Amino acid sequence: MWTFQKRTDEQRCGNAVQRSGFTLIELLVVMGIAALLMTLAATSFFGASRRDNITKSRYQFCDVLRMARQQASILGKTHVVVCWNADTKITVGNQQISGGKQGRYAMFEYVGNVWPSGTKLAAPFGLQREAFALLTKNARLINIKDPDKGFMRVEDVANDATQTDEDNDRDSESVTSVQLEYTVGGQSQSINISDSNLWVATLRKSSGESKAFPLGIRTTQTYSLPKDYCFDNDRAVFIFTADGRLETGSDTSVNAKHSVSKNADNATFTVSISQQGDITKK
């Protein structure tokens, strides 16, 4: 009786030992469930992070628009927010390939009329002194009244066309007179300034203008949308007048979108501005 009971206990212990591990199928199932949960968690995390970046970018863009409107009202000068898409590059080994478009925007302040002369911009000394008072080397300029002309950068600035410095070629490139005819409001106007000191800015790119050039100067840094996001149009402008209104003829809304994905859920945001200058976003 005792022997039979002992064998029974040994058999039971043996059976218990045999049932204490996991089968290969059970391990595969558990690993599959763990991988699925990790994938869902990662997708949720990166999705939330992307949405957070888009939300921050939307608020930042609206803040720049509000700042432009406020500055226009406070200073009594036209301000404009220009939106454009820049071509990006990706370095692979020793080669650069296209990285798609990325939306960028910046605020520009109107500082007075200046006139082009070849690759120069000129303003009468004293009369339009403020036009160049804020300019520094590599300053970014834009024609506020015709922003589709593109951007220009200042190579050099001479407060007085007759001054000398270490650049011996400066005087020979200076603008000493401006003779120009242009039309404002359908009426012909003329400029004839000679034998006068002019404030001169040397451009890296000719303005290509044949009329008075309304100068804008960038007053903020250049902001960017998140990676792989761009504006639906390659150029959009919001022009705020001195009373804080949106100038008739400027853009009233802009959309930011994912430049790669065609999924509608990846659309970022839309910002609209009424003629009164009120800003709405969605």
Protein backbone atom coordinates (compact mmCIF):
# COMPACT_ATOMS: atom_id res chain seq x y z
CA MET A 1 0.00 0.00 0.00
CA TRP A 2 2.79 2.34 0.92
CA THR A 3 4.72 1.47 -2.24
CA PHE A 4 1.69 2.10 -4.45
CA GLN A 5 1.11 5.45 -2.84
CA LYS A 6 4.77 6.42 -3.32
CA ARG A 7 4.65 5.63 -7.01
CA THR A 8 1.48 7.62 -7.35
CA ASP A 9 3.15 10.65 -5.78
CA GLU A 10 6.15 10.28 -8.10
CA GLN A 11 3.86 10.07 -11.09
CA ARG A 12 2.02 13.15 -9.92
CA CYS A 13 5.27 15.04 -9.43
CA GLY A 14 6.43 13.96 -12.87
CA ASN A 15 3.22 15.15 -14.46
CA ALA A 16 3.53 18.47 -12.61
CA VAL A 17 7.07 18.93 -13.92
CA GLN A 18 5.95 18.18 -17.46
CA ARG A 19 3.17 20.82 -17.26
CA SER A 20 5.31 23.62 -15.71
CA GLY A 21 6.77 25.07 -19.03
CA PHE A 22 5.32 26.85 -22.14
CA THR A 23 4.98 25.32 -25.53
CA LEU A 24 6.53 26.94 -28.61
CA ILE A 25 3.10 27.96 -29.86
CA GLU A 26 2.31 29.68 -26.58
CA LEU A 27 5.60 31.63 -26.72
CA LEU A 28 4.94 32.71 -30.30
CA VAL A 29 1.46 33.90 -29.38
CA VAL A 30 2.77 35.92 -26.43
CA MET A 31 5.55 37.47 -28.53
CA GLY A 32 3.08 38.34 -31.26
CA ILE A 33 0.75 40.05 -28.78
CA ALA A 34 3.70 41.98 -27.27
CA ALA A 35 4.89 43.12 -30.71
CA LEU A 36 1.37 44.25 -31.60
CA LEU A 37 1.04 46.25 -28.38
CA MET A 38 4.45 47.87 -28.92
CA THR A 39 3.50 48.80 -32.49
CA LEU A 40 0.23 50.34 -31.35
CA ALA A 41 1.99 52.23 -28.56
CA ALA A 42 4.69 53.56 -30.92
CA THR A 43 2.11 54.59 -33.51
CA SER A 44 0.06 56.35 -30.88
CA PHE A 45 3.13 58.10 -29.47
CA PHE A 46 4.46 59.36 -32.78
CA GLY A 47 0.96 60.31 -33.91
CA ALA A 48 0.43 62.32 -30.73
CA SER A 49 3.86 63.92 -31.11
CA ARG A 50 3.11 64.89 -34.71
CA ARG A 51 -0.25 66.37 -33.75
CA ASP A 52 1.43 68.28 -30.93
CA ASN A 53 4.00 69.73 -33.36
CA ILE A 54 1.25 70.74 -35.77
CA THR A 55 -0.73 72.41 -32.99
CA LYS A 56 2.32 74.36 -31.83
CA SER A 57 3.11 75.40 -35.41
CA ARG A 58 -0.45 76.57 -35.97
CA TYR A 59 -0.38 78.75 -32.83
CA GLN A 60 3.05 80.10 -33.72
CA PHE A 61 1.87 81.05 -37.21
CA CYS A 62 -1.17 82.82 -35.80
CA ASP A 63 1.01 84.63 -33.24
CA VAL A 64 3.20 86.01 -36.05
CA LEU A 65 0.10 87.20 -37.91
CA ARG A 66 -1.21 88.91 -34.77
CA MET A 67 2.18 90.49 -34.17
CA ALA A 68 2.19 91.88 -37.72
CA ARG A 69 -1.27 93.35 -37.20
CA GLN A 70 -0.33 94.86 -33.83
CA GLN A 71 2.92 96.33 -35.12
CA ALA A 72 1.11 97.83 -38.11
CA SER A 73 -1.35 99.57 -35.76
CA ILE A 74 1.24 100.67 -33.19
CA LEU A 75 3.85 101.99 -35.63
CA GLY A 76 1.38 103.18 -38.27
CA LYS A 77 3.26 101.27 -40.97
CA THR A 78 2.20 98.50 -43.30
CA HIS A 79 3.36 95.05 -42.19
CA VAL A 80 3.15 91.87 -44.21
CA VAL A 81 3.55 88.18 -43.42
CA VAL A 82 4.91 86.30 -46.42
CA CYS A 83 4.45 82.52 -46.69
CA TRP A 84 6.44 80.48 -49.16
CA ASN A 85 7.64 76.94 -49.83
CA ALA A 86 11.38 76.29 -49.83
CA ASP A 87 13.02 73.36 -51.59
CA THR A 88 14.93 71.23 -49.10
CA LYS A 89 17.90 68.97 -49.72
CA ILE A 90 18.98 65.70 -48.12
CA THR A 91 22.62 64.63 -48.15
CA VAL A 92 23.13 60.97 -49.03
CA GLY A 93 26.81 60.09 -49.11
CA ASN A 94 28.41 62.69 -51.33
CA GLN A 95 25.22 63.61 -53.14
CA GLN A 96 22.32 65.89 -52.35
CA ILE A 97 18.83 64.84 -53.34
CA SER A 98 15.54 66.65 -53.12
CA GLY A 99 13.93 66.49 -49.71
CA GLY A 100 10.62 67.96 -50.87
CA LYS A 101 9.13 71.32 -49.92
CA GLN A 102 8.88 72.88 -46.49
CA GLY A 103 6.65 75.81 -45.64
CA ARG A 104 8.30 78.94 -44.24
CA TYR A 105 7.09 82.40 -43.29
CA ALA A 106 8.42 85.72 -41.98
CA MET A 107 7.20 89.22 -41.18
CA PHE A 108 8.30 92.29 -43.13
CA GLU A 109 7.94 95.95 -42.22
CA TYR A 110 7.38 98.74 -44.73
CA VAL A 111 10.00 101.44 -44.24
CA GLY A 112 9.47 103.82 -47.15
CA ASN A 113 9.94 104.16 -50.89
CA VAL A 114 13.36 103.69 -52.42
CA TRP A 115 14.38 103.52 -56.06
CA PRO A 116 16.32 100.95 -58.07
CA SER A 117 19.34 101.73 -60.15
CA GLY A 118 20.84 98.59 -61.62
CA THR A 119 21.81 96.38 -58.72
CA LYS A 120 21.43 99.26 -56.25
CA LEU A 121 18.67 100.67 -54.13
CA ALA A 122 18.87 104.38 -53.38
CA ALA A 123 17.06 106.82 -51.09
CA PRO A 124 17.70 110.56 -50.67
CA PHE A 125 19.88 111.29 -47.68
CA GLY A 126 17.65 112.69 -44.93
CA LEU A 127 14.36 112.40 -46.85
CA GLN A 128 14.16 108.60 -46.73
CA ARG A 129 16.90 108.01 -44.22
CA GLU A 130 14.79 105.54 -42.26
CA ALA A 131 14.56 103.35 -45.35
CA PHE A 132 18.10 102.12 -44.77
CA ALA A 133 18.51 102.88 -41.09
CA LEU A 134 17.65 99.30 -40.15
CA LEU A 135 19.49 97.56 -42.96
CA THR A 136 22.48 95.37 -42.25
CA LYS A 137 24.53 93.10 -44.45
CA ASN A 138 22.51 90.06 -45.55
CA ALA A 139 19.23 91.75 -44.59
CA ARG A 140 16.33 90.28 -46.50
CA LEU A 141 14.22 92.72 -48.51
CA ILE A 142 10.96 92.37 -50.36
CA ASN A 143 8.72 94.59 -52.45
CA ILE A 144 5.72 94.73 -50.13
CA LYS A 145 3.39 95.99 -52.85
CA ASP A 146 4.40 93.20 -55.21
CA PRO A 147 5.75 90.36 -53.03
CA ASP A 148 5.67 87.81 -55.85
CA LYS A 149 8.79 89.47 -57.24
CA GLY A 150 10.82 87.44 -54.78
CA PHE A 151 13.35 88.25 -52.10
CA MET A 152 16.56 90.23 -52.29
CA ARG A 153 19.50 90.39 -49.94
CA VAL A 154 21.63 93.39 -49.15
CA GLU A 155 25.31 92.93 -49.89
CA ASP A 156 26.46 96.25 -48.49
CA VAL A 157 25.07 99.53 -47.18
CA ALA A 158 26.62 102.99 -47.44
CA ASN A 159 24.98 105.62 -45.24
CA ASP A 160 26.50 108.30 -47.44
CA ALA A 161 27.36 107.68 -51.06
CA THR A 162 30.44 109.90 -50.78
CA GLN A 163 31.99 108.21 -47.77
CA THR A 164 35.07 106.03 -48.08
CA ASP A 165 36.11 102.91 -46.28
CA GLU A 166 38.35 99.90 -46.80
CA ASP A 167 36.47 98.99 -49.99
CA ASN A 168 38.16 101.19 -52.62
CA ASP A 169 35.55 100.26 -55.21
CA ARG A 170 32.65 101.55 -53.13
CA ASP A 171 32.58 105.08 -54.53
CA SER A 172 32.71 103.96 -58.13
CA GLU A 173 29.57 101.85 -57.57
CA SER A 174 27.64 104.48 -55.64
CA VAL A 175 24.42 106.01 -56.88
CA THR A 176 24.73 109.79 -56.99
CA SER A 177 21.52 110.61 -58.85
CA VAL A 178 18.09 109.16 -59.50
CA GLN A 179 16.00 110.02 -62.56
CA LEU A 180 12.82 108.01 -62.77
CA GLU A 181 9.27 108.24 -64.06
CA TYR A 182 6.50 106.07 -62.68
CA THR A 183 2.75 106.00 -62.22
CA VAL A 184 0.83 106.18 -58.95
CA GLY A 185 -2.96 105.99 -58.93
CA GLY A 186 -3.05 106.39 -62.71
CA GLN A 187 -1.11 109.66 -62.58
CA SER A 188 2.41 110.10 -63.87
CA GLN A 189 5.06 110.98 -61.32
CA SER A 190 8.73 111.75 -61.76
CA ILE A 191 11.84 111.71 -59.63
CA ASN A 192 14.89 113.75 -60.49
CA ILE A 193 17.52 113.78 -57.79
CA SER A 194 21.05 114.72 -58.77
CA ASP A 195 24.20 115.88 -57.04
CA SER A 196 22.83 114.67 -53.73
CA ASN A 197 24.00 112.32 -51.07
CA LEU A 198 22.05 109.08 -51.28
CA TRP A 199 21.73 106.17 -48.96
CA VAL A 200 22.74 103.18 -51.06
CA ALA A 201 22.25 99.44 -50.67
CA THR A 202 24.08 97.02 -52.94
CA LEU A 203 21.94 94.04 -53.92
CA ARG A 204 22.89 90.50 -54.72
CA LYS A 205 19.96 90.45 -57.12
CA SER A 206 18.64 93.27 -59.25
CA SER A 207 15.17 94.43 -58.30
CA GLY A 208 14.08 94.44 -61.94
CA GLU A 209 11.75 97.35 -61.19
CA SER A 210 11.11 100.38 -63.35
CA LYS A 211 9.09 102.36 -60.82
CA ALA A 212 9.30 103.51 -57.24
CA PHE A 213 10.17 100.52 -55.11
CA PRO A 214 8.23 100.12 -51.85
CA LEU A 215 10.81 98.57 -49.60
CA GLY A 216 10.10 95.97 -46.95
CA ILE A 217 12.60 94.66 -44.45
CA ARG A 218 12.29 91.46 -42.48
CA THR A 219 11.65 92.17 -38.82
CA THR A 220 11.41 88.61 -37.50
CA GLN A 221 13.31 85.42 -37.98
CA THR A 222 12.20 82.93 -40.61
CA TYR A 223 9.83 80.35 -39.16
CA SER A 224 9.26 76.88 -40.59
CA LEU A 225 6.43 74.38 -40.57
CA PRO A 226 7.22 70.88 -39.26
CA LYS A 227 9.22 68.60 -41.51
CA ASP A 228 7.36 67.37 -44.63
CA TYR A 229 4.71 70.07 -44.30
CA CYS A 230 4.21 72.92 -46.74
CA PHE A 231 1.65 75.55 -47.75
CA ASP A 232 -0.88 74.72 -50.45
CA ASN A 233 0.42 77.67 -52.50
CA ASP A 234 4.08 78.43 -53.10
CA ARG A 235 3.51 82.09 -52.18
CA ALA A 236 0.88 83.75 -50.01
CA VAL A 237 0.91 87.22 -48.44
CA PHE A 238 -1.10 88.84 -45.67
CA ILE A 239 -0.77 92.64 -45.83
CA PHE A 240 -1.92 94.57 -42.76
CA THR A 241 -2.50 98.29 -43.15
CA ALA A 242 -1.83 100.94 -40.50
CA ASP A 243 -5.36 100.57 -39.11
CA GLY A 244 -4.94 96.84 -38.55
CA ARG A 245 -7.06 95.75 -41.48
CA LEU A 246 -6.17 93.25 -44.17
CA GLU A 247 -5.41 95.06 -47.41
CA THR A 248 -7.82 94.32 -50.22
CA GLY A 249 -6.24 91.99 -52.74
CA SER A 250 -3.99 90.16 -50.30
CA ASP A 251 -4.62 86.54 -49.38
CA THR A 252 -7.44 85.83 -46.96
CA SER A 253 -6.56 82.24 -46.02
CA VAL A 254 -3.78 79.69 -46.22
CA ASN A 255 -3.68 75.94 -45.81
CA ALA A 256 -0.79 73.86 -44.51
CA LYS A 257 -0.63 70.26 -45.64
CA HIS A 258 1.54 67.17 -45.51
CA SER A 259 3.72 67.19 -48.62
CA VAL A 260 4.06 63.41 -48.87
CA SER A 261 1.03 61.69 -47.40
CA LYS A 262 -2.26 61.75 -49.28
CA ASN A 263 -4.20 60.82 -46.16
CA ALA A 264 -6.77 63.50 -45.42
CA ASP A 265 -6.22 62.97 -41.69
CA ASN A 266 -2.71 64.38 -42.10
CA ALA A 267 -3.98 67.81 -43.25
CA THR A 268 -2.55 70.28 -40.78
CA PHE A 269 -4.53 73.48 -40.48
CA THR A 270 -6.27 76.37 -42.18
CA VAL A 271 -5.86 80.00 -41.11
CA SER A 272 -8.21 82.69 -42.38
CA ILE A 273 -8.18 86.46 -41.91
CA SER A 274 -11.16 88.74 -42.40
CA GLN A 275 -10.84 92.17 -44.03
CA GLN A 276 -11.09 93.61 -40.51
CA GLY A 277 -7.96 91.68 -39.54
CA ASP A 278 -9.62 89.04 -37.36
CA ILE A 279 -7.71 85.74 -37.40
CA THR A 280 -9.43 82.35 -37.23
CA LYS A 281 -7.89 78.90 -37.35
CA LYS A 282 -9.08 75.32 -37.66
